[in-house]
Protein backbone atom coordinates (compact mmCIF):
# COMPACT_ATOMS: atom_id res chain seq x y z
CA MET A 1 19.47 17.33 -12.71
CA CYS A 2 22.90 18.88 -12.05
CA GLY A 3 25.41 19.11 -9.26
CA ILE A 4 26.52 22.56 -8.47
CA PHE A 5 29.28 23.93 -6.01
CA CYS A 6 30.97 26.96 -5.07
CA TYR A 7 33.57 27.94 -2.35
CA PHE A 8 34.78 31.28 -1.30
CA CYS A 9 37.08 32.35 1.46
CA LYS A 10 38.69 35.45 3.04
CA ASP A 11 42.50 34.40 3.23
CA GLU A 12 43.01 33.71 -0.56
CA ASN A 13 43.67 29.98 0.08
CA LEU A 14 41.66 27.57 -1.87
CA ALA A 15 43.36 24.45 -0.60
CA ARG A 16 40.61 23.86 1.94
CA GLY A 17 37.97 24.63 -0.83
CA HIS A 18 39.48 21.76 -2.90
CA THR A 19 39.35 19.46 0.11
CA ILE A 20 35.66 20.15 0.72
CA LEU A 21 35.01 19.85 -2.98
CA GLN A 22 36.56 16.45 -3.10
CA THR A 23 34.31 15.21 -0.14
CA CYS A 24 31.20 16.47 -2.15
CA ILE A 25 32.18 15.38 -5.64
CA PRO A 26 31.20 11.58 -5.16
CA LEU A 27 27.59 12.84 -4.71
CA LEU A 28 27.75 15.80 -6.98
CA SER A 29 28.94 13.78 -9.82
CA LYS A 30 26.17 11.21 -9.66
CA ARG A 31 23.72 14.15 -9.97
CA GLY A 32 25.28 15.00 -13.39
CA PRO A 33 26.73 12.00 -15.12
CA ASP A 34 26.98 13.40 -18.53
CA ALA A 35 29.64 16.06 -17.99
CA GLU A 36 31.55 17.77 -15.27
CA GLY A 37 34.10 20.44 -14.75
CA GLN A 38 35.77 22.96 -12.23
CA LEU A 39 37.41 26.35 -12.41
CA THR A 40 38.88 28.88 -10.10
CA SER A 41 38.29 32.54 -10.24
CA GLY A 42 41.02 34.66 -8.80
CA SER A 43 42.43 33.32 -5.48
CA ARG A 44 39.20 33.14 -3.40
CA LEU A 45 36.56 31.34 -5.73
CA LEU A 46 36.23 27.68 -6.73
CA PHE A 47 33.38 26.46 -9.00
CA TYR A 48 32.22 22.89 -9.82
CA GLY A 49 29.40 21.69 -12.09
CA SER A 50 28.14 18.47 -13.15
CA VAL A 51 25.49 17.94 -15.91
CA LEU A 52 22.47 15.73 -16.45
CA TRP A 53 21.58 16.63 -19.90
CA HIS A 54 17.92 17.30 -20.95
CA GLN A 55 17.72 20.47 -22.94
CA GLY A 56 19.46 21.76 -26.06
CA SER A 57 20.85 19.93 -28.98
CA THR A 58 24.26 19.36 -27.36
CA ILE A 59 25.37 19.02 -23.83
CA CYS A 60 26.34 22.39 -22.13
CA GLN A 61 29.57 21.98 -20.00
CA GLN A 62 29.47 23.59 -16.56
CA PRO A 63 30.75 25.76 -15.04
CA LEU A 64 29.79 28.15 -17.84
CA GLU A 65 32.10 31.09 -18.24
CA THR A 66 32.32 34.27 -20.16
CA ASP A 67 34.26 37.40 -19.86
CA GLN A 68 31.44 38.73 -17.66
CA THR A 69 30.07 35.78 -15.74
CA VAL A 70 30.74 32.41 -14.23
CA LEU A 71 27.64 30.32 -13.86
CA VAL A 72 26.57 26.95 -12.35
CA PHE A 73 23.01 26.02 -12.76
CA ASN A 74 20.86 23.18 -11.61
CA GLY A 75 17.26 23.07 -12.99
CA ASP A 76 14.88 23.11 -15.74
CA ILE A 77 13.61 26.32 -17.62
CA PHE A 78 10.36 25.76 -19.43
CA GLN A 79 10.08 29.16 -20.89
CA THR A 80 9.46 29.15 -24.69
CA ARG A 81 12.69 30.04 -26.38
CA ASP A 82 13.41 31.57 -29.72
CA ASP A 83 15.95 28.62 -30.45
CA PRO A 84 14.72 25.35 -29.16
CA GLU A 85 18.19 23.89 -29.91
CA GLU A 86 19.65 26.19 -27.29
CA SER A 87 20.16 24.72 -23.77
CA ASP A 88 18.38 26.41 -20.98
CA THR A 89 21.55 27.07 -19.21
CA ARG A 90 23.06 29.15 -22.08
CA TRP A 91 19.76 30.93 -22.50
CA LEU A 92 19.66 31.82 -18.87
CA LEU A 93 23.32 33.19 -19.00
CA ARG A 94 22.22 35.54 -21.73
CA LYS A 95 19.34 36.75 -19.66
CA ILE A 96 21.51 37.22 -16.56
CA GLU A 97 24.09 39.32 -18.50
CA ALA A 98 21.31 41.62 -19.96
CA CYS A 99 20.41 42.55 -16.32
CA ARG A 100 21.77 45.81 -15.04
CA ASP A 101 21.07 45.44 -11.22
CA GLU A 102 19.65 43.25 -8.53
CA ASN A 103 16.16 44.54 -9.20
CA GLN A 104 16.22 43.36 -12.83
CA LEU A 105 17.91 40.10 -11.65
CA ARG A 106 15.24 39.46 -9.03
CA GLN A 107 12.40 40.10 -11.77
CA LEU A 108 14.16 37.74 -14.19
CA PHE A 109 14.23 34.86 -11.53
CA GLY A 110 10.58 35.64 -10.55
CA LEU A 111 9.29 35.21 -13.94
CA LEU A 112 11.14 31.85 -14.58
CA ARG A 113 9.12 28.76 -15.15
CA GLY A 114 10.48 25.78 -13.73
CA PRO A 115 12.49 24.49 -10.73
CA PHE A 116 16.06 25.89 -10.24
CA SER A 117 18.91 26.53 -7.91
CA LEU A 118 22.03 28.46 -9.25
CA ILE A 119 25.24 30.37 -8.35
CA PHE A 120 26.97 32.97 -10.48
CA LEU A 121 29.66 35.47 -10.20
CA ARG A 122 29.60 38.76 -12.02
CA LYS A 123 33.17 39.45 -12.53
CA GLN A 124 33.23 43.12 -13.04
CA GLU A 125 31.15 43.98 -10.00
CA GLN A 126 32.89 41.21 -7.88
CA LYS A 127 29.44 40.00 -6.64
CA LEU A 128 28.45 36.41 -6.21
CA TYR A 129 24.66 35.59 -6.42
CA PHE A 130 22.99 32.35 -5.44
CA ALA A 131 19.24 31.32 -5.11
CA ARG A 132 16.58 28.59 -5.12
CA ASP A 133 13.44 29.06 -6.93
CA SER A 134 10.71 30.54 -4.86
CA ILE A 135 8.92 27.30 -4.26
CA GLY A 136 12.06 25.54 -3.14
CA ARG A 137 11.87 22.48 -5.54
CA ASN A 138 15.66 22.08 -5.87
CA SER A 139 18.23 21.60 -3.18
CA LEU A 140 20.91 24.16 -2.26
CA LEU A 141 22.84 23.98 1.05
CA LEU A 142 24.80 26.69 2.60
CA GLY A 143 27.83 25.59 4.66
CA ARG A 144 30.10 27.75 6.68
CA SER A 145 33.02 27.37 9.05
CA ILE A 146 32.46 28.33 12.52
CA ASP A 147 34.89 31.09 12.31
CA LEU A 148 33.25 32.47 9.10
CA GLU A 149 36.42 32.45 7.21
CA GLU A 150 35.04 30.23 4.47
CA ILE A 151 31.74 29.52 3.04
CA PHE A 152 30.47 27.07 0.42
CA ILE A 153 27.28 26.42 -1.52
CA THR A 154 26.45 23.06 -2.79
CA SER A 155 23.64 20.82 -4.12
CA VAL A 156 24.61 18.02 -1.79
CA SER A 157 27.16 17.94 0.95
CA GLY A 158 28.58 14.44 1.87
CA ASN A 159 30.47 13.87 5.07
CA LEU A 160 31.93 17.17 6.47
CA GLN A 161 34.14 17.98 9.30
CA PRO A 162 32.44 19.02 12.55
CA SER A 163 33.84 22.55 12.11
CA HIS A 164 31.47 23.20 9.50
CA MET A 165 27.75 24.00 9.93
CA LEU A 166 25.37 23.16 7.17
CA HIS A 167 21.78 24.69 6.48
CA GLU A 168 19.31 24.28 3.74
CA LEU A 169 19.10 27.67 2.01
CA PRO A 170 15.68 29.14 2.57
CA PRO A 171 14.06 29.93 -1.01
CA CYS A 172 13.43 33.49 0.17
CA GLY A 173 15.19 35.42 -2.68
CA LEU A 174 18.48 36.23 -4.42
CA TYR A 175 21.46 36.06 -2.03
CA CYS A 176 24.54 38.24 -2.72
CA VAL A 177 28.04 38.31 -1.49
CA ASP A 178 29.91 41.59 -2.36
CA PHE A 179 33.68 40.75 -2.09
CA LYS A 180 34.47 44.47 -1.99
CA GLU A 181 32.69 44.53 1.29
CA ASP A 182 34.05 41.64 3.10
CA MET A 183 31.90 38.42 3.03
CA ASN A 184 28.51 39.51 4.38
CA ILE A 185 25.47 37.92 2.84
CA SER A 186 22.65 40.10 1.85
CA LEU A 187 19.21 39.09 0.41
CA PHE A 188 17.09 40.50 -2.25
CA PRO A 189 13.80 38.87 -1.48
CA TRP A 190 11.24 37.55 -4.00
CA ALA A 191 8.60 39.50 -2.01
CA ASP A 192 9.09 42.57 0.10
CA THR A 193 7.93 41.15 3.52
CA THR A 194 9.00 41.72 7.05
CA GLU A 195 10.05 38.02 7.42
CA ALA A 196 12.34 38.31 4.42
CA LYS A 197 14.08 41.63 5.57
CA GLN A 198 14.85 39.84 8.86
CA LEU A 199 17.23 37.62 6.85
CA ILE A 200 19.14 40.40 5.32
CA SER A 201 22.88 40.60 6.28
CA THR A 202 22.71 37.44 8.50
CA LEU A 203 23.40 33.87 8.15
CA VAL A 204 20.78 32.82 10.70
CA ILE A 205 18.56 30.44 8.72
CA ASN A 206 14.77 30.45 9.31
CA GLU A 207 13.53 27.28 7.66
CA GLU A 208 9.81 28.08 8.06
CA ILE A 209 9.86 30.97 5.70
CA LEU A 210 8.74 30.47 2.08
CA LEU A 211 7.96 33.41 -0.28
CA TYR A 212 6.56 32.95 -3.81
CA PRO A 213 5.54 35.42 -6.42
CA SER A 214 1.82 35.97 -6.67
CA GLN A 215 0.27 34.67 -9.81
CA SER A 216 -2.72 36.34 -11.48
CA LEU A 217 -5.71 34.66 -12.93
CA GLN A 218 -7.90 36.08 -15.94
CA GLU A 219 -10.98 34.40 -14.96
CA GLU A 220 -13.09 35.14 -11.90
CA LYS A 221 -12.67 33.23 -8.83
CA PRO A 222 -15.18 30.51 -8.07
CA THR A 223 -18.07 31.29 -5.68
CA TYR A 224 -19.00 27.76 -4.63
CA ASN A 225 -18.05 26.12 -1.40
CA PHE A 226 -18.65 22.37 -0.42
CA PRO A 227 -20.54 22.95 2.90
CA GLU A 228 -23.26 25.04 0.94
CA LEU A 229 -23.18 22.92 -2.03
CA LEU A 230 -23.91 19.89 -0.01
CA HIS A 231 -26.32 21.47 2.48
CA GLY A 232 -29.50 19.27 2.80
CA LYS A 233 -28.20 16.64 0.38
CA GLU A 234 -27.35 13.05 0.96
CA LEU A 235 -24.46 11.90 -0.78
CA HIS A 236 -24.23 8.17 -1.68
CA PRO A 237 -20.57 6.96 -1.37
CA ASP A 238 -21.00 4.91 -4.58
CA ASN A 239 -21.81 7.86 -6.82
CA ALA A 240 -20.73 10.96 -4.77
CA HIS A 241 -18.45 12.34 -7.38
CA LYS A 242 -21.00 12.00 -9.99
CA GLN A 243 -23.57 13.84 -7.89
CA LEU A 244 -21.12 16.66 -7.12
CA LEU A 245 -20.16 17.05 -10.78
CA GLN A 246 -23.82 17.99 -11.57
CA SER A 247 -22.58 21.49 -10.56
CA ALA A 248 -21.59 23.45 -13.65
CA GLU A 249 -19.23 25.55 -11.68
CA LEU A 250 -17.52 22.59 -9.99
CA ASN A 251 -17.15 21.02 -13.58
CA SER A 252 -15.55 24.28 -14.80
CA VAL A 253 -13.18 24.37 -11.93
CA CYS A 254 -11.98 20.82 -12.61
CA GLU A 255 -11.62 21.74 -16.30
CA HIS A 256 -9.33 24.60 -15.54
CA LEU A 257 -7.29 22.58 -13.03
CA LEU A 258 -6.87 19.72 -15.51
CA THR A 259 -5.79 22.05 -18.41
CA ALA A 260 -3.16 23.51 -16.17
CA LEU A 261 -1.94 20.09 -15.00
CA ARG A 262 -1.85 18.77 -18.57
CA ALA A 263 0.34 21.73 -19.59
CA SER A 264 2.59 21.15 -16.56
CA ILE A 265 3.02 17.45 -17.33
CA LYS A 266 3.73 18.02 -21.03
CA GLU A 267 6.47 20.47 -20.10
CA ARG A 268 8.07 17.89 -17.78
CA VAL A 269 7.82 15.04 -20.36
CA VAL A 270 8.80 16.59 -23.55
CA SER A 271 11.76 18.75 -22.11
CA THR A 272 14.37 15.88 -22.14
CA THR A 273 16.59 14.05 -24.70
CA GLY A 274 15.25 11.33 -26.97
CA SER A 275 17.52 8.86 -25.21
CA CYS A 276 17.15 6.68 -22.06
CA LYS A 277 20.04 6.21 -19.67
CA ASN A 278 21.44 3.27 -21.70
CA CYS A 279 21.21 4.53 -25.07
CA LEU A 280 22.58 7.75 -24.14
CA GLN A 281 25.66 6.16 -22.75
CA THR A 282 26.17 3.83 -25.77
CA GLY A 283 25.44 6.65 -28.35
CA ALA A 284 22.48 4.45 -29.95
CA ASP A 285 20.83 6.43 -32.89
CA ARG A 286 17.28 5.37 -31.98
CA CYS A 287 15.90 4.72 -28.50
CA THR A 288 12.39 3.14 -27.92
CA HIS A 289 12.96 2.36 -24.28
CA PRO A 290 11.05 4.20 -21.46
CA LYS A 291 12.35 7.75 -20.69
CA ILE A 292 9.66 8.76 -18.17
CA GLY A 293 8.82 6.99 -14.92
CA ILE A 294 6.39 7.73 -12.17
CA LEU A 295 6.72 7.00 -8.52
CA PHE A 296 3.61 4.92 -8.27
CA SER A 297 1.87 3.88 -5.03
CA GLY A 298 -1.49 3.64 -6.76
CA GLY A 299 -2.98 6.58 -5.02
CA ILE A 300 -4.93 9.32 -6.76
CA ASP A 301 -1.93 11.85 -7.12
CA CYS A 302 0.25 9.47 -9.08
CA THR A 303 -2.51 7.68 -10.98
CA ILE A 304 -3.88 11.15 -12.47
CA LEU A 305 -0.13 11.81 -13.42
CA ALA A 306 0.22 8.54 -15.14
CA LEU A 307 -3.08 8.95 -17.13
CA LEU A 308 -2.19 12.47 -18.23
CA ALA A 309 1.30 11.32 -19.14
CA ASP A 310 -0.07 8.82 -21.54
CA GLU A 311 -1.44 11.65 -23.52
CA VAL A 312 2.08 13.09 -24.12
CA VAL A 313 4.52 10.13 -24.19
CA PRO A 314 4.79 8.46 -27.62
CA SER A 315 2.45 5.55 -27.90
CA SER A 316 5.30 3.26 -28.87
CA THR A 317 7.25 3.87 -25.68
CA ALA A 318 6.53 2.27 -22.35
CA ILE A 319 5.89 4.14 -19.16
CA ASP A 320 7.58 2.93 -15.98
CA LEU A 321 5.47 2.78 -12.80
CA LEU A 322 7.89 2.40 -9.93
CA ASN A 323 6.41 0.69 -6.98
CA VAL A 324 8.50 0.07 -3.80
CA ALA A 325 8.06 -2.29 -0.90
CA PHE A 326 10.29 -2.97 2.25
CA GLU A 327 10.63 -6.09 4.21
CA LYS A 328 8.81 -5.58 7.52
CA VAL A 329 10.64 -4.90 10.60
CA CYS A 330 10.29 -8.23 12.57
CA ARG A 331 10.70 -8.10 16.33
CA ASN A 332 9.59 -11.84 16.82
CA PRO A 333 12.58 -14.05 15.85
CA LYS A 334 10.13 -16.94 15.07
CA GLN A 335 8.34 -14.53 12.46
CA SER A 336 11.77 -13.72 10.98
CA MET A 337 12.08 -17.11 9.51
CA ALA A 338 8.78 -16.85 7.49
CA PRO A 339 9.10 -15.89 3.68
CA VAL A 340 8.85 -12.12 3.12
CA ASP A 341 5.38 -10.88 2.13
CA TRP A 342 5.85 -8.10 -0.50
CA ASN A 343 2.19 -7.34 -0.82
CA VAL A 344 2.46 -4.18 1.25
CA PRO A 345 -0.49 -1.80 1.01
CA ASP A 346 1.20 0.29 -1.77
CA ARG A 347 1.76 -2.78 -3.84
CA LEU A 348 -1.92 -3.87 -3.49
CA THR A 349 -3.28 -0.51 -4.40
CA GLY A 350 -0.67 -0.10 -7.12
CA LYS A 351 -1.76 -3.22 -8.81
CA GLU A 352 -5.40 -2.16 -8.51
CA SER A 353 -4.86 1.28 -10.11
CA LEU A 354 -2.70 -0.42 -12.75
CA GLU A 355 -5.63 -2.40 -13.82
CA GLU A 356 -7.87 0.74 -14.19
CA LEU A 357 -5.06 2.37 -16.21
CA ARG A 358 -4.96 -0.65 -18.41
CA ILE A 359 -8.73 -0.61 -19.00
CA LEU A 360 -8.63 3.23 -19.78
CA ARG A 361 -5.42 3.13 -22.03
CA PRO A 362 -5.21 -0.55 -23.31
CA LYS A 363 -2.68 0.40 -26.03
CA ARG A 364 -0.16 1.73 -23.69
CA LYS A 365 2.71 -0.58 -22.26
CA TRP A 366 2.80 -0.10 -18.53
CA ASN A 367 5.76 -1.39 -16.88
CA PHE A 368 4.78 -1.88 -13.22
CA VAL A 369 8.20 -2.37 -11.52
CA GLU A 370 8.10 -4.19 -8.28
CA ILE A 371 11.04 -2.85 -6.14
CA ASN A 372 11.40 -5.13 -3.24
CA VAL A 373 13.98 -4.26 -0.57
CA THR A 374 15.24 -6.51 2.13
CA ARG A 375 16.40 -5.03 5.49
CA LYS A 376 19.89 -6.26 4.65
CA GLU A 377 19.93 -4.32 1.41
CA LEU A 378 18.52 -1.26 3.21
CA ASN A 379 21.40 -1.46 5.80
CA ALA A 380 23.97 -1.85 3.02
CA HIS A 381 23.09 1.48 1.68
CA ARG A 382 22.39 3.43 4.86
CA ASP A 383 25.60 5.65 4.64
CA THR A 384 24.72 6.80 1.17
CA ILE A 385 21.19 7.61 2.25
CA SER A 386 22.33 9.34 5.40
CA GLN A 387 24.77 11.60 3.40
CA LEU A 388 22.03 12.55 0.90
CA VAL A 389 19.36 13.31 3.52
CA HIS A 390 21.82 15.50 5.60
CA PRO A 391 21.34 18.02 7.18
CA LEU A 392 17.94 16.55 7.95
CA GLN A 393 18.09 13.60 10.32
CA THR A 394 14.58 12.50 11.83
CA VAL A 395 13.06 8.99 11.57
CA LEU A 396 10.67 10.36 9.01
CA ASP A 397 13.52 11.67 6.83
CA GLU A 398 15.13 8.27 7.14
CA SER A 399 12.08 6.49 6.08
CA LEU A 400 11.14 8.73 3.15
CA GLY A 401 14.71 9.38 1.89
CA ALA A 402 15.05 5.38 1.89
CA ALA A 403 11.89 4.94 -0.02
CA PHE A 404 12.60 7.68 -2.54
CA TRP A 405 16.19 6.38 -2.99
CA PHE A 406 15.35 2.80 -3.88
CA ALA A 407 12.21 3.62 -5.98
CA SER A 408 14.21 6.12 -8.10
CA LYS A 409 17.00 3.57 -8.57
CA GLY A 410 14.37 1.54 -10.36
CA VAL A 411 15.88 -1.98 -9.83
CA GLY A 412 13.07 -4.65 -9.55
CA ARG A 413 11.11 -7.01 -11.61
CA VAL A 414 8.38 -6.59 -14.16
CA GLU A 415 6.09 -9.51 -14.48
CA GLU A 416 8.69 -11.64 -12.60
CA PHE A 417 11.57 -10.85 -14.90
CA PRO A 418 14.71 -8.72 -13.58
CA TYR A 419 14.30 -5.19 -14.68
CA SER A 420 16.30 -2.06 -14.23
CA SER A 421 14.46 1.27 -15.23
CA PRO A 422 16.43 3.33 -17.82
CA CYS A 423 14.22 6.47 -17.33
CA ARG A 424 15.90 9.82 -16.74
CA VAL A 425 12.80 11.69 -15.56
CA LEU A 426 10.67 10.56 -12.72
CA LEU A 427 7.29 12.36 -12.13
CA LEU A 428 6.27 12.82 -8.49
CA GLY A 429 2.91 13.73 -6.81
CA SER A 430 4.66 15.99 -4.30
CA GLY A 431 2.64 18.97 -3.13
CA ALA A 432 -0.70 17.38 -3.82
CA ASP A 433 -1.52 16.60 -0.17
CA GLU A 434 -0.35 20.10 1.09
CA LEU A 435 -2.36 21.85 -1.49
CA PHE A 436 -5.74 19.82 -1.39
CA GLY A 437 -5.88 18.85 2.33
CA GLY A 438 -4.88 15.23 2.03
CA TYR A 439 -3.01 14.50 5.29
CA THR A 440 -4.55 13.01 8.32
CA ARG A 441 -3.49 16.09 10.40
CA HIS A 442 -5.63 18.18 8.08
CA ARG A 443 -8.66 16.14 8.90
CA ALA A 444 -7.74 16.28 12.59
CA ALA A 445 -7.47 19.99 12.61
CA PHE A 446 -10.78 20.34 10.97
CA GLU A 447 -12.70 17.90 13.19
CA ARG A 448 -11.03 19.01 16.42
CA THR A 449 -12.22 22.59 15.81
CA TYR A 450 -15.63 21.34 14.51
CA ARG A 451 -16.45 19.29 17.67
CA SER A 452 -15.12 22.04 19.96
CA CYS A 453 -17.41 24.60 18.45
CA LEU A 454 -20.30 22.31 18.63
CA LYS A 455 -19.74 21.68 22.31
CA GLU A 456 -20.02 25.43 22.99
CA THR A 457 -23.56 25.47 21.48
CA THR A 458 -22.38 27.19 18.51
CA SER A 459 -24.50 26.53 15.25
CA GLU A 460 -23.24 23.84 12.71
CA ALA A 461 -22.71 26.50 10.16
CA ASN A 462 -20.36 28.55 12.41
CA ALA A 463 -18.70 25.37 13.65
CA ILE A 464 -17.98 24.45 9.89
CA GLU A 465 -16.69 27.90 9.39
CA GLN A 466 -14.30 27.97 12.29
CA ALA A 467 -13.05 24.46 11.38
CA TYR A 468 -12.24 25.69 7.90
CA SER A 469 -10.40 28.63 9.48
CA ALA A 470 -8.31 26.08 11.48
CA LEU A 471 -7.85 24.02 8.38
CA GLU A 472 -6.62 27.10 6.50
CA GLN A 473 -3.92 27.75 8.96
CA GLU A 474 -2.78 24.09 8.84
CA LEU A 475 -2.56 24.12 4.96
CA GLU A 476 -0.69 27.44 5.03
CA LEU A 477 1.80 26.02 7.62
CA ASP A 478 2.33 22.82 5.47
CA TRP A 479 2.79 24.98 2.35
CA LEU A 480 5.54 27.08 4.30
CA ARG A 481 7.30 23.92 5.41
CA LEU A 482 7.31 22.06 2.17
CA PRO A 483 10.71 23.21 0.95
CA SER A 484 12.46 22.42 4.28
CA ARG A 485 10.62 19.23 5.05
CA ASN A 486 10.18 17.60 1.62
CA LEU A 487 11.46 19.00 -1.57
CA ALA A 488 15.13 19.59 -1.02
CA ARG A 489 15.56 16.20 0.57
CA ASP A 490 13.68 14.48 -2.16
CA ASP A 491 15.65 16.08 -4.76
CA ARG A 492 19.09 15.13 -3.22
CA VAL A 493 17.94 11.62 -2.71
CA ILE A 494 16.33 10.91 -6.16
CA SER A 495 19.12 12.68 -8.08
CA ASP A 496 21.71 10.29 -6.64
CA ASN A 497 20.30 7.74 -9.09
CA CYS A 498 20.97 9.92 -12.15
CA VAL A 499 17.32 10.79 -12.54
CA THR A 500 15.71 14.14 -12.49
CA PRO A 501 12.61 14.49 -10.14
CA ARG A 502 9.87 16.66 -11.70
CA THR A 503 6.61 17.74 -9.92
CA PRO A 504 3.79 18.59 -12.00
CA TYR A 505 1.47 19.82 -9.16
CA LEU A 506 4.08 22.38 -8.20
CA GLN A 507 4.04 24.10 -11.59
CA GLU A 508 3.42 27.95 -11.49
CA ASP A 509 0.20 28.13 -13.46
CA PHE A 510 -1.25 25.03 -11.57
CA LEU A 511 -0.42 26.59 -8.36
CA ALA A 512 -2.08 29.93 -9.16
CA HIS A 513 -5.19 27.93 -9.93
CA VAL A 514 -5.22 26.11 -6.58
CA HIS A 515 -4.29 29.17 -4.62
CA SER A 516 -7.38 30.93 -6.09
CA LEU A 517 -9.44 28.27 -4.18
CA LYS A 518 -10.29 28.59 -0.54
CA ALA A 519 -10.08 25.54 1.64
CA ASN A 520 -13.77 25.03 1.67
CA GLN A 521 -13.55 24.91 -2.24
CA ARG A 522 -10.65 22.27 -2.17
CA CYS A 523 -11.88 19.68 0.42
CA TYR A 524 -14.60 18.83 2.93
CA HIS A 525 -13.56 16.62 5.95
CA ARG A 526 -17.14 16.09 7.13
CA LEU A 527 -17.34 13.54 4.44
CA GLU A 528 -15.49 10.26 4.85
CA ALA A 529 -11.84 9.77 4.08
CA GLY A 530 -11.48 8.70 0.59
CA ILE A 531 -14.07 11.29 -0.48
CA GLY A 532 -13.78 14.50 1.61
CA ASP A 533 -9.89 14.91 1.61
CA LYS A 534 -8.59 16.28 -1.67
CA LEU A 535 -12.15 16.49 -2.90
CA ILE A 536 -11.64 18.73 -5.84
CA LEU A 537 -8.64 16.54 -7.13
CA ARG A 538 -10.87 13.37 -6.67
CA LEU A 539 -13.53 14.97 -8.90
CA CYS A 540 -10.83 15.63 -11.51
CA ALA A 541 -9.87 12.05 -11.37
CA TYR A 542 -13.40 11.04 -11.83
CA LYS A 543 -13.83 13.24 -14.71
CA LEU A 544 -10.69 11.39 -16.41
CA GLY A 545 -12.51 8.12 -15.86
CA LEU A 546 -10.47 7.04 -12.80
CA VAL A 547 -13.70 5.78 -10.92
CA ARG A 548 -11.84 3.49 -8.53
CA ALA A 549 -8.68 5.42 -8.10
CA CYS A 550 -10.60 8.69 -7.02
CA GLY A 551 -12.09 6.75 -3.86
CA LEU A 552 -8.70 5.33 -2.68
CA LYS A 553 -7.79 6.54 0.90
CA LYS A 554 -4.59 8.60 1.46
CA ARG A 555 -1.78 6.45 2.89
CA ALA A 556 1.57 7.75 3.78
CA LEU A 557 4.62 6.49 1.67
CA GLN A 558 6.49 5.43 4.78
CA PHE A 559 3.64 3.12 5.93
CA GLY A 560 2.26 2.19 2.47
CA SER A 561 5.67 0.78 1.42
CA ARG A 562 6.20 -0.50 4.92
CA ILE A 563 9.60 1.18 5.38
CA ALA A 564 8.55 2.69 8.70
CA ASP A 565 8.56 1.10 12.14
CA ARG A 566 5.19 2.12 13.82
CA HIS A 567 7.08 1.83 17.19
CA GLN A 568 9.22 4.93 16.35
CA ASN A 569 8.28 8.53 16.53
CA ALA A 570 8.63 10.14 13.22
CA LYS A 571 9.95 13.48 14.67
CA ASP A 572 12.81 11.74 16.77
CA ASN A 573 16.28 11.88 15.43
CA SER A 574 17.06 8.64 13.50
CA THR A 575 19.79 6.50 14.95
CA PHE A 576 19.99 5.17 11.26
CA LEU A 577 21.11 8.59 10.07
CA THR A 578 22.90 10.13 13.11
CA SER A 579 25.01 7.08 14.21
CA GLY A 580 24.61 4.30 11.48
CA GLY A 581 21.94 2.30 13.39
CA PRO A 582 22.00 -1.21 14.28
CA GLU A 583 23.43 -3.90 12.08
């Protein structure tokens, strides 16, 4: 992961740009501890880039400049390249310079595999371009002065003056500033839609828009659906998955999903250096320490990732399973004197799934890292977390931001011994709930419509059909909001610990397979929690041998880790983030 920044102004005075950059550098530099640099282009443009090295035989310094282009790039390109020794940044620069116009640039970025955000200047044309990948996996913020005399683009912002407004840039397409035509921002959308066109030539940010290139599948789309498959059958909770997998078509769908997920995990595991944080810093010739970690609550999403990562990570290297727990908010002074109980729900399920992993993969060394965070320690880092989460500021952002920050920091205990994870890559289960109907609100949308239809004396078959229609809308809304609600925030928070977050469930081919399935082919909320939600993913887990993990109920990270206070409303603005909160 890298930190990128660009400032441009109307009045050819870069002094203010340097001031803004100095405010952002403490956070930008932590995203890229291996190299950093800055340069000016003319009297109106200032660039900065920091590098967390993963790809190529040597570190690629940023900003990267040729006689045609200035580029700062944050991301991972998983395309197969002719020269595996070449960094993905240099490879991308060559591809950009081969493009003649915006249509070719848009086509190039639409075909890239992997998460990215980038900013580049085409010198001869005097045009500045910037973008996030169409799924919105990496952060990119757009800041502007109220008088519109200056604009800056950055991975993370820090504390800015009130005279600047800050937005998360929607991942709608390729943005462009033509310096020959003042400082208007135009947009070349990833997809030609009415919503995207409404953003052209404006700085009004609509964070509900997400456009992504369509992916085509060679095989025919599945024809099964869970209501018909289960009609007239009685499922026994103890062997429900085994019963369902008697369907040859379901088996085939699971195999395709697992094949795509394996490929996604392999890309994200092998595309890094052969050294951990510590050995890279000391220049050690050979490193046998963990390089790959997994944010591990013990739930189905992360346990699947752990089991499949085992197939790719060298057998001699441990895998870190990072499990975070927070001291409970105590409102009773008498209870505050009692010893802290760190056995939060995610700690218990984490240990349970760890045992299953050890049974299935007994030769692997699994480092179960118990990260215990006191309220005092949480308060000590609240300013940092506030800066990273900004411009978001709800109670939910506070809770999840803190959980991800401490988990990715990786400082805890392994089997009662102090331990600090040296991993440079952290695999996350992000996107699985949005794709497979894992949230409580998905079940609520289904059940609410189902019961309402039955009250109107509608047939059960029609009630289920209407319930799935409501669920489809809820899933689509969650997918649209994923970049603005989750992904950019998590990227900023995790990268602050010199770790690159990678999200295998959001890989292009895997998404294409999932989006080829209708809601009634992914989940069935008439079945109980722990079975019906994310049903097709649970079947994949069962096929892998995760018999216990595939039946675990979904639990939100903020409650499973006990960071959240249930007396607070998740949508309220957080006093912790907006005013520092109580000591």
